[in-house]
């Protein structure tokens, strides 16, 4: 059995050369928001949900991106409401958010 029910990785990479990257879309703030929200909902921790940063996930043109394991489900998002939907639907209820899936 996995240590976490869901392990979420947010790409927070910043490319110094100005090319496409997730941090240009405020990815660290969205990761921080997801961590705070999952803790507030009581779903964070062993056996539940873990939110982490990742370096470049190499999907820069589809960004900002995050990936949820298990299942290898990739999402792109715009704002906190998209993050809320991913948390509520996928992490709480186990349903993939098709409109945000890439």
Protein backbone atom coordinates (compact mmCIF):
# COMPACT_ATOMS: atom_id res chain seq x y z
CA UNK A 1 0.00 0.00 0.00
CA UNK A 2 1.17 3.50 -0.82
CA UNK A 3 2.17 5.83 1.99
CA UNK A 4 -0.18 8.50 0.58
CA UNK A 5 -3.55 7.99 -1.04
CA UNK A 6 -2.68 10.83 -3.44
CA UNK A 7 0.68 12.46 -4.05
CA UNK A 8 0.45 15.76 -5.96
CA UNK A 9 3.42 17.39 -7.64
CA UNK A 10 3.23 21.02 -8.76
CA UNK A 11 5.81 22.14 -11.29
CA UNK A 12 7.27 25.31 -9.76
CA UNK A 13 10.17 25.71 -12.16
CA UNK A 14 11.36 29.19 -13.15
CA UNK A 15 13.32 29.53 -16.37
CA UNK A 16 15.66 32.48 -16.09
CA UNK A 17 15.82 32.95 -19.86
CA UNK A 18 12.20 34.11 -19.99
CA UNK A 19 10.88 31.05 -21.81
CA UNK A 20 7.63 29.30 -20.91
CA UNK A 21 7.58 27.88 -17.40
CA UNK A 22 5.04 27.19 -14.67
CA UNK A 23 6.33 29.75 -12.19
CA UNK A 24 5.38 32.53 -14.65
CA UNK A 25 1.80 31.49 -13.78
CA UNK A 26 2.31 31.83 -10.01
CA UNK A 27 2.79 28.08 -9.53
CA UNK A 28 4.43 28.33 -6.10
CA UNK A 29 1.53 30.35 -4.75
CA UNK A 30 -0.93 27.79 -6.16
CA UNK A 31 1.07 24.97 -4.55
CA UNK A 32 1.06 26.83 -1.23
CA UNK A 33 -2.68 27.37 -1.55
CA UNK A 34 -3.27 23.65 -2.27
CA UNK A 35 -1.18 22.68 0.79
CA UNK A 36 -3.09 25.09 3.01
CA UNK A 37 -6.46 24.00 1.63
CA UNK A 38 -5.75 20.28 2.02
CA UNK A 39 -4.68 20.85 5.62
CA UNK A 40 -7.82 22.90 6.31
CA UNK A 41 -9.95 20.09 4.90
CA UNK A 42 -8.17 17.54 7.08
CA UNK A 43 -7.00 15.46 4.11
CA UNK A 44 -3.24 16.12 4.44
CA UNK A 45 -0.81 13.63 5.91
CA UNK A 46 0.11 9.97 5.99
CA UNK A 47 -2.47 7.77 4.32
CA UNK A 48 -4.13 10.79 2.76
CA UNK A 49 -2.77 13.60 0.56
CA UNK A 50 0.70 15.05 0.11
CA UNK A 51 1.30 18.23 -1.92
CA UNK A 52 4.88 18.74 -3.18
CA UNK A 53 6.92 20.95 -5.46
CA UNK A 54 8.65 19.52 -8.48
CA UNK A 55 11.30 20.87 -10.74
CA UNK A 56 10.52 21.11 -14.42
CA UNK A 57 8.00 18.46 -15.47
CA UNK A 58 8.77 19.23 -19.13
CA UNK A 59 5.24 20.21 -20.16
CA UNK A 60 6.01 23.92 -20.28
CA UNK A 61 3.71 24.73 -23.19
CA UNK A 62 0.73 23.27 -21.33
CA UNK A 63 1.49 24.97 -18.03
CA UNK A 64 1.05 25.59 -15.33
CA UNK A 65 0.85 21.90 -14.58
CA UNK A 66 0.52 19.45 -11.73
CA UNK A 67 0.37 15.68 -11.68
CA UNK A 68 -1.51 13.42 -9.27
CA UNK A 69 -0.28 9.92 -8.40
CA UNK A 70 -1.38 7.21 -8.40
CA UNK A 71 -3.04 7.29 -11.76
CA UNK A 72 -0.60 9.64 -13.47
CA UNK A 73 -3.32 12.29 -13.96
CA UNK A 74 -1.97 15.56 -15.36
CA UNK A 75 -3.80 18.85 -14.92
CA UNK A 76 -3.39 22.43 -16.04
CA UNK A 77 -5.04 25.19 -14.03
CA UNK A 78 -5.67 28.93 -14.14
CA UNK A 79 -6.55 30.02 -10.62
CA UNK A 80 -7.55 29.00 -7.10
CA UNK A 81 -11.01 27.94 -8.22
CA UNK A 82 -9.40 25.32 -10.51
CA UNK A 83 -7.24 24.14 -7.60
CA UNK A 84 -10.34 23.95 -5.39
CA UNK A 85 -12.07 21.83 -8.04
CA UNK A 86 -9.10 19.45 -8.30
CA UNK A 87 -8.95 19.11 -4.53
CA UNK A 88 -12.70 18.61 -4.08
CA UNK A 89 -13.33 16.33 -7.03
CA UNK A 90 -10.11 14.33 -7.34
CA UNK A 91 -8.49 14.36 -3.91
CA UNK A 92 -11.66 14.23 -1.80
CA UNK A 93 -14.10 12.35 -4.06
CA UNK A 94 -11.75 10.37 -6.33
CA UNK A 95 -13.15 11.78 -9.59
CA UNK A 96 -10.85 13.04 -12.34
CA UNK A 97 -11.62 16.63 -13.41
CA UNK A 98 -11.84 16.04 -17.16
CA UNK A 99 -12.04 19.74 -18.12
CA UNK A 100 -8.62 20.43 -16.54
CA UNK A 101 -6.91 17.19 -17.57
CA UNK A 102 -4.09 17.36 -20.10
